[in-house]
Structure formats: C-alpha cells, structure tokens
Amino acid sequence: MTADEELAPSLPAPPVLAPAGELDIDSIGPLTAEIETALAQHDSIVLDASSITFGDSMFLRLVLSTHGQGNLRIAAPSPTVTRLFRVVGADTVLQIYPTLEDALAA
C-alpha cells in the first residue's frame, strides 16, 4: 500500500438495485423511484441486472437517462438485457461489468 492509498479516504460502496422479472411500461415505476432516491443520495449506483427477464423501451430509456445523470454501473446483465443493449448499441456507452463484485470494485 502506498502513502497516497493510506491517506485517501475510502468511498462508501454505491447502492445496489436488483430488480427482477419483466420491466416494461406497466412495471417500471418502482425501479424509477428507487433510482431517483439513490441518485439523490449517491453519485454512483449499481444496477444488478442478472434477474431481469425482459426490458422494453421504457426500461432502456430509464437506463440511458440514469447513465446521463450519474455514474451507473450495470452488473451481470442477463442474456436478455445483454442482447437489448447490444441491438441498440447501448453496450458501447454504458459501464457494463460481468459480475456484481466487478461493478462494486470499479
């Protein structure tokens, strides 16, 4: 450990939001509220996307707008979410990590 590392204060871990199931126009409200609350209190948030089975354009809009508002890290996206991000090119701008641990360590 260097002297700089010893003197640098450790930052608190960002909150982890872990929605599950389908996220569409009818079910996106609670996640939107969680993200708004988390961003009001933290500079960074982690979205554990491992249990998301479907995401529509409202989900994509929420992710992209959150990315524009703060440091959004996406952890362990499910194959469905990975495909959605890849199809629209969002995977080139979002911070996507293979595991939750990697996202928290970033």
N, C-alpha and C. Protein backbone atom coordinates (compact mmCIF):
# COMPACT_ATOMS: atom_id res chain seq x y z
N MET A 1 0.85 -1.18 0.00
CA MET A 1 0.00 0.00 0.00
C MET A 1 0.89 1.24 0.00
N THR A 2 0.56 2.18 -0.85
CA THR A 2 1.35 3.41 -0.93
C THR A 2 0.85 4.41 0.10
N ALA A 3 1.65 5.47 0.31
CA ALA A 3 1.25 6.52 1.25
C ALA A 3 -0.03 7.19 0.78
N ASP A 4 -0.17 7.39 -0.54
CA ASP A 4 -1.40 8.01 -1.07
C ASP A 4 -2.62 7.15 -0.78
N GLU A 5 -2.47 5.83 -0.92
CA GLU A 5 -3.58 4.92 -0.66
C GLU A 5 -3.97 4.95 0.82
N GLU A 6 -2.98 5.10 1.69
CA GLU A 6 -3.26 5.13 3.12
C GLU A 6 -3.99 6.41 3.51
N LEU A 7 -3.68 7.52 2.84
CA LEU A 7 -4.30 8.80 3.18
C LEU A 7 -5.64 9.03 2.49
N ALA A 8 -5.87 8.36 1.38
CA ALA A 8 -7.11 8.57 0.63
C ALA A 8 -8.28 7.98 1.40
N PRO A 9 -9.32 8.78 1.62
CA PRO A 9 -10.48 8.22 2.31
C PRO A 9 -11.19 7.23 1.41
N SER A 10 -11.67 6.15 2.00
CA SER A 10 -12.40 5.17 1.19
C SER A 10 -13.83 5.67 1.01
N LEU A 11 -14.28 5.56 -0.21
CA LEU A 11 -15.64 6.00 -0.52
C LEU A 11 -16.62 4.89 -0.16
N PRO A 12 -17.80 5.26 0.27
CA PRO A 12 -18.79 4.23 0.58
C PRO A 12 -19.20 3.52 -0.71
N ALA A 13 -19.53 2.27 -0.59
CA ALA A 13 -19.97 1.50 -1.75
C ALA A 13 -21.28 2.08 -2.27
N PRO A 14 -21.44 2.10 -3.59
CA PRO A 14 -22.69 2.62 -4.14
C PRO A 14 -23.84 1.66 -3.82
N PRO A 15 -25.06 2.18 -3.76
CA PRO A 15 -26.18 1.30 -3.52
C PRO A 15 -26.38 0.35 -4.71
N VAL A 16 -26.85 -0.84 -4.41
CA VAL A 16 -27.12 -1.84 -5.44
C VAL A 16 -28.64 -2.01 -5.56
N LEU A 17 -29.13 -1.79 -6.77
CA LEU A 17 -30.55 -2.01 -7.06
C LEU A 17 -30.64 -3.29 -7.86
N ALA A 18 -31.52 -4.20 -7.46
CA ALA A 18 -31.58 -5.51 -8.08
C ALA A 18 -33.02 -5.87 -8.47
N PRO A 19 -33.53 -5.24 -9.52
CA PRO A 19 -34.89 -5.58 -9.95
C PRO A 19 -34.92 -6.99 -10.55
N ALA A 20 -36.10 -7.57 -10.57
CA ALA A 20 -36.25 -8.92 -11.12
C ALA A 20 -37.49 -8.98 -11.99
N GLY A 21 -37.45 -9.87 -12.95
CA GLY A 21 -38.60 -10.10 -13.81
C GLY A 21 -38.66 -9.14 -14.98
N GLU A 22 -39.87 -8.87 -15.42
CA GLU A 22 -40.10 -8.03 -16.59
C GLU A 22 -40.17 -6.56 -16.19
N LEU A 23 -39.48 -5.72 -16.95
CA LEU A 23 -39.51 -4.28 -16.72
C LEU A 23 -40.04 -3.62 -17.98
N ASP A 24 -41.30 -3.22 -17.90
CA ASP A 24 -41.95 -2.59 -19.04
C ASP A 24 -42.76 -1.39 -18.55
N ILE A 25 -43.55 -0.83 -19.43
CA ILE A 25 -44.29 0.39 -19.11
C ILE A 25 -45.18 0.21 -17.87
N ASP A 26 -45.66 -1.00 -17.65
CA ASP A 26 -46.56 -1.25 -16.52
C ASP A 26 -45.82 -1.51 -15.21
N SER A 27 -44.54 -1.88 -15.27
CA SER A 27 -43.84 -2.27 -14.04
C SER A 27 -42.60 -1.44 -13.74
N ILE A 28 -42.28 -0.44 -14.55
CA ILE A 28 -41.04 0.31 -14.40
C ILE A 28 -41.08 1.33 -13.26
N GLY A 29 -42.27 1.71 -12.81
CA GLY A 29 -42.42 2.76 -11.80
C GLY A 29 -41.61 2.57 -10.53
N PRO A 30 -41.67 1.41 -9.89
CA PRO A 30 -40.90 1.23 -8.65
C PRO A 30 -39.39 1.36 -8.85
N LEU A 31 -38.88 0.82 -9.96
CA LEU A 31 -37.45 0.95 -10.22
C LEU A 31 -37.08 2.41 -10.48
N THR A 32 -37.92 3.13 -11.19
CA THR A 32 -37.68 4.55 -11.43
C THR A 32 -37.57 5.30 -10.11
N ALA A 33 -38.49 5.02 -9.20
CA ALA A 33 -38.48 5.68 -7.89
C ALA A 33 -37.22 5.32 -7.10
N GLU A 34 -36.82 4.05 -7.14
CA GLU A 34 -35.60 3.62 -6.44
C GLU A 34 -34.37 4.34 -6.98
N ILE A 35 -34.29 4.46 -8.30
CA ILE A 35 -33.15 5.12 -8.92
C ILE A 35 -33.13 6.60 -8.55
N GLU A 36 -34.28 7.26 -8.60
CA GLU A 36 -34.33 8.68 -8.24
C GLU A 36 -33.88 8.90 -6.81
N THR A 37 -34.33 8.05 -5.90
CA THR A 37 -33.93 8.16 -4.50
C THR A 37 -32.43 7.92 -4.34
N ALA A 38 -31.92 6.88 -5.00
CA ALA A 38 -30.50 6.56 -4.89
C ALA A 38 -29.63 7.68 -5.45
N LEU A 39 -30.01 8.23 -6.60
CA LEU A 39 -29.21 9.31 -7.20
C LEU A 39 -29.27 10.60 -6.39
N ALA A 40 -30.33 10.80 -5.64
CA ALA A 40 -30.42 11.99 -4.79
C ALA A 40 -29.43 11.91 -3.62
N GLN A 41 -29.01 10.69 -3.28
CA GLN A 41 -28.14 10.50 -2.13
C GLN A 41 -26.72 10.04 -2.47
N HIS A 42 -26.52 9.57 -3.71
CA HIS A 42 -25.23 8.99 -4.10
C HIS A 42 -24.85 9.45 -5.51
N ASP A 43 -23.55 9.52 -5.76
CA ASP A 43 -23.07 9.86 -7.11
C ASP A 43 -23.11 8.65 -8.04
N SER A 44 -22.99 7.46 -7.47
CA SER A 44 -22.94 6.23 -8.25
C SER A 44 -24.00 5.25 -7.77
N ILE A 45 -24.50 4.46 -8.71
CA ILE A 45 -25.38 3.35 -8.34
C ILE A 45 -25.02 2.15 -9.20
N VAL A 46 -25.32 0.98 -8.67
CA VAL A 46 -25.10 -0.27 -9.40
C VAL A 46 -26.46 -0.91 -9.65
N LEU A 47 -26.70 -1.25 -10.90
CA LEU A 47 -27.91 -1.97 -11.28
C LEU A 47 -27.53 -3.41 -11.52
N ASP A 48 -27.93 -4.29 -10.60
CA ASP A 48 -27.70 -5.72 -10.76
C ASP A 48 -28.79 -6.22 -11.71
N ALA A 49 -28.41 -6.47 -12.96
CA ALA A 49 -29.38 -6.81 -14.00
C ALA A 49 -29.47 -8.31 -14.25
N SER A 50 -28.98 -9.10 -13.32
CA SER A 50 -28.92 -10.55 -13.52
C SER A 50 -30.29 -11.22 -13.50
N SER A 51 -31.26 -10.62 -12.86
CA SER A 51 -32.59 -11.26 -12.75
C SER A 51 -33.65 -10.59 -13.61
N ILE A 52 -33.25 -9.72 -14.51
CA ILE A 52 -34.20 -9.07 -15.40
C ILE A 52 -34.45 -10.01 -16.58
N THR A 53 -35.70 -10.38 -16.79
CA THR A 53 -36.05 -11.32 -17.85
C THR A 53 -36.56 -10.64 -19.11
N PHE A 54 -36.95 -9.37 -19.00
CA PHE A 54 -37.43 -8.62 -20.16
C PHE A 54 -37.32 -7.14 -19.86
N GLY A 55 -36.96 -6.38 -20.88
CA GLY A 55 -36.93 -4.93 -20.75
C GLY A 55 -37.42 -4.31 -22.05
N ASP A 56 -38.37 -3.40 -21.96
CA ASP A 56 -38.88 -2.74 -23.16
C ASP A 56 -38.22 -1.37 -23.33
N SER A 57 -38.77 -0.56 -24.21
CA SER A 57 -38.18 0.75 -24.47
C SER A 57 -38.21 1.66 -23.25
N MET A 58 -39.17 1.49 -22.36
CA MET A 58 -39.21 2.30 -21.13
C MET A 58 -38.03 1.94 -20.22
N PHE A 59 -37.71 0.67 -20.15
CA PHE A 59 -36.55 0.24 -19.37
C PHE A 59 -35.28 0.81 -19.99
N LEU A 60 -35.15 0.70 -21.29
CA LEU A 60 -33.98 1.23 -21.98
C LEU A 60 -33.86 2.74 -21.76
N ARG A 61 -34.97 3.45 -21.86
CA ARG A 61 -34.99 4.90 -21.63
C ARG A 61 -34.52 5.22 -20.21
N LEU A 62 -35.01 4.46 -19.23
CA LEU A 62 -34.62 4.68 -17.84
C LEU A 62 -33.11 4.46 -17.66
N VAL A 63 -32.58 3.40 -18.22
CA VAL A 63 -31.15 3.11 -18.10
C VAL A 63 -30.32 4.22 -18.73
N LEU A 64 -30.69 4.64 -19.93
CA LEU A 64 -29.91 5.67 -20.62
C LEU A 64 -30.02 7.03 -19.93
N SER A 65 -31.19 7.36 -19.42
CA SER A 65 -31.32 8.65 -18.73
C SER A 65 -30.57 8.61 -17.39
N THR A 66 -30.57 7.47 -16.72
CA THR A 66 -29.81 7.33 -15.47
C THR A 66 -28.32 7.45 -15.76
N HIS A 67 -27.88 6.86 -16.84
CA HIS A 67 -26.48 6.96 -17.24
C HIS A 67 -26.09 8.43 -17.44
N GLY A 68 -26.99 9.22 -17.96
CA GLY A 68 -26.72 10.63 -18.19
C GLY A 68 -26.76 11.48 -16.93
N GLN A 69 -27.34 10.97 -15.87
CA GLN A 69 -27.49 11.73 -14.62
C GLN A 69 -26.42 11.42 -13.59
N GLY A 70 -25.81 10.27 -13.68
CA GLY A 70 -24.84 9.88 -12.65
C GLY A 70 -24.00 8.71 -13.13
N ASN A 71 -23.22 8.16 -12.23
CA ASN A 71 -22.35 7.04 -12.55
C ASN A 71 -23.14 5.75 -12.37
N LEU A 72 -23.68 5.24 -13.47
CA LEU A 72 -24.44 4.00 -13.45
C LEU A 72 -23.54 2.85 -13.88
N ARG A 73 -23.46 1.85 -13.03
CA ARG A 73 -22.72 0.63 -13.34
C ARG A 73 -23.74 -0.50 -13.45
N ILE A 74 -23.68 -1.24 -14.53
CA ILE A 74 -24.60 -2.34 -14.73
C ILE A 74 -23.85 -3.63 -14.50
N ALA A 75 -24.35 -4.45 -13.58
CA ALA A 75 -23.68 -5.68 -13.18
C ALA A 75 -24.42 -6.91 -13.69
N ALA A 76 -23.65 -7.85 -14.19
CA ALA A 76 -24.13 -9.18 -14.54
C ALA A 76 -25.44 -9.18 -15.32
N PRO A 77 -25.51 -8.45 -16.44
CA PRO A 77 -26.78 -8.41 -17.16
C PRO A 77 -27.18 -9.79 -17.67
N SER A 78 -28.46 -10.07 -17.59
CA SER A 78 -28.99 -11.33 -18.11
C SER A 78 -28.80 -11.36 -19.62
N PRO A 79 -28.88 -12.53 -20.23
CA PRO A 79 -28.76 -12.59 -21.70
C PRO A 79 -29.77 -11.70 -22.42
N THR A 80 -30.96 -11.58 -21.88
CA THR A 80 -31.98 -10.72 -22.50
C THR A 80 -31.54 -9.26 -22.47
N VAL A 81 -31.04 -8.81 -21.35
CA VAL A 81 -30.61 -7.42 -21.21
C VAL A 81 -29.36 -7.18 -22.06
N THR A 82 -28.44 -8.13 -22.06
CA THR A 82 -27.25 -8.00 -22.89
C THR A 82 -27.63 -7.84 -24.35
N ARG A 83 -28.56 -8.65 -24.82
CA ARG A 83 -29.00 -8.56 -26.22
C ARG A 83 -29.65 -7.21 -26.50
N LEU A 84 -30.52 -6.75 -25.60
CA LEU A 84 -31.17 -5.45 -25.78
C LEU A 84 -30.13 -4.34 -25.93
N PHE A 85 -29.16 -4.30 -25.03
CA PHE A 85 -28.13 -3.27 -25.08
C PHE A 85 -27.30 -3.37 -26.36
N ARG A 86 -27.00 -4.59 -26.77
CA ARG A 86 -26.19 -4.79 -27.98
C ARG A 86 -26.96 -4.36 -29.24
N VAL A 87 -28.24 -4.72 -29.33
CA VAL A 87 -29.04 -4.41 -30.52
C VAL A 87 -29.14 -2.91 -30.75
N VAL A 88 -29.28 -2.14 -29.68
CA VAL A 88 -29.44 -0.69 -29.84
C VAL A 88 -28.11 0.06 -29.72
N GLY A 89 -27.03 -0.65 -29.46
CA GLY A 89 -25.72 -0.01 -29.35
C GLY A 89 -25.43 0.60 -28.00
N ALA A 90 -26.30 0.38 -27.04
CA ALA A 90 -26.08 0.96 -25.70
C ALA A 90 -24.89 0.33 -25.00
N ASP A 91 -24.51 -0.87 -25.41
CA ASP A 91 -23.36 -1.52 -24.79
C ASP A 91 -22.06 -0.78 -25.05
N THR A 92 -22.06 0.13 -26.01
CA THR A 92 -20.85 0.89 -26.31
C THR A 92 -20.70 2.14 -25.44
N VAL A 93 -21.77 2.53 -24.75
CA VAL A 93 -21.70 3.73 -23.91
C VAL A 93 -21.91 3.44 -22.43
N LEU A 94 -22.53 2.34 -22.10
CA LEU A 94 -22.81 2.02 -20.70
C LEU A 94 -21.62 1.32 -20.06
N GLN A 95 -21.52 1.44 -18.74
CA GLN A 95 -20.50 0.73 -17.96
C GLN A 95 -21.09 -0.61 -17.55
N ILE A 96 -20.70 -1.67 -18.24
CA ILE A 96 -21.26 -3.00 -18.01
C ILE A 96 -20.15 -3.89 -17.47
N TYR A 97 -20.45 -4.60 -16.39
CA TYR A 97 -19.49 -5.47 -15.73
C TYR A 97 -20.04 -6.89 -15.66
N PRO A 98 -19.17 -7.89 -15.78
CA PRO A 98 -19.65 -9.27 -15.80
C PRO A 98 -20.22 -9.77 -14.47
N THR A 99 -19.77 -9.17 -13.36
CA THR A 99 -20.25 -9.60 -12.05
C THR A 99 -20.58 -8.39 -11.18
N LEU A 100 -21.35 -8.63 -10.15
CA LEU A 100 -21.65 -7.58 -9.18
C LEU A 100 -20.38 -7.13 -8.48
N GLU A 101 -19.51 -8.07 -8.16
CA GLU A 101 -18.28 -7.72 -7.48
C GLU A 101 -17.42 -6.79 -8.33
N ASP A 102 -17.37 -7.06 -9.65
CA ASP A 102 -16.59 -6.19 -10.53
C ASP A 102 -17.18 -4.78 -10.58
N ALA A 103 -18.50 -4.70 -10.63
CA ALA A 103 -19.15 -3.39 -10.67
C ALA A 103 -18.91 -2.60 -9.39
N LEU A 104 -18.94 -3.28 -8.26
CA LEU A 104 -18.70 -2.60 -6.99
C LEU A 104 -17.24 -2.17 -6.85
N ALA A 105 -16.34 -2.91 -7.43
CA ALA A 105 -14.91 -2.60 -7.32
C ALA A 105 -14.49 -1.49 -8.28
N ALA A 106 -15.30 -1.21 -9.28
CA ALA A 106 -14.91 -0.22 -10.31
C ALA A 106 -14.85 1.18 -9.75
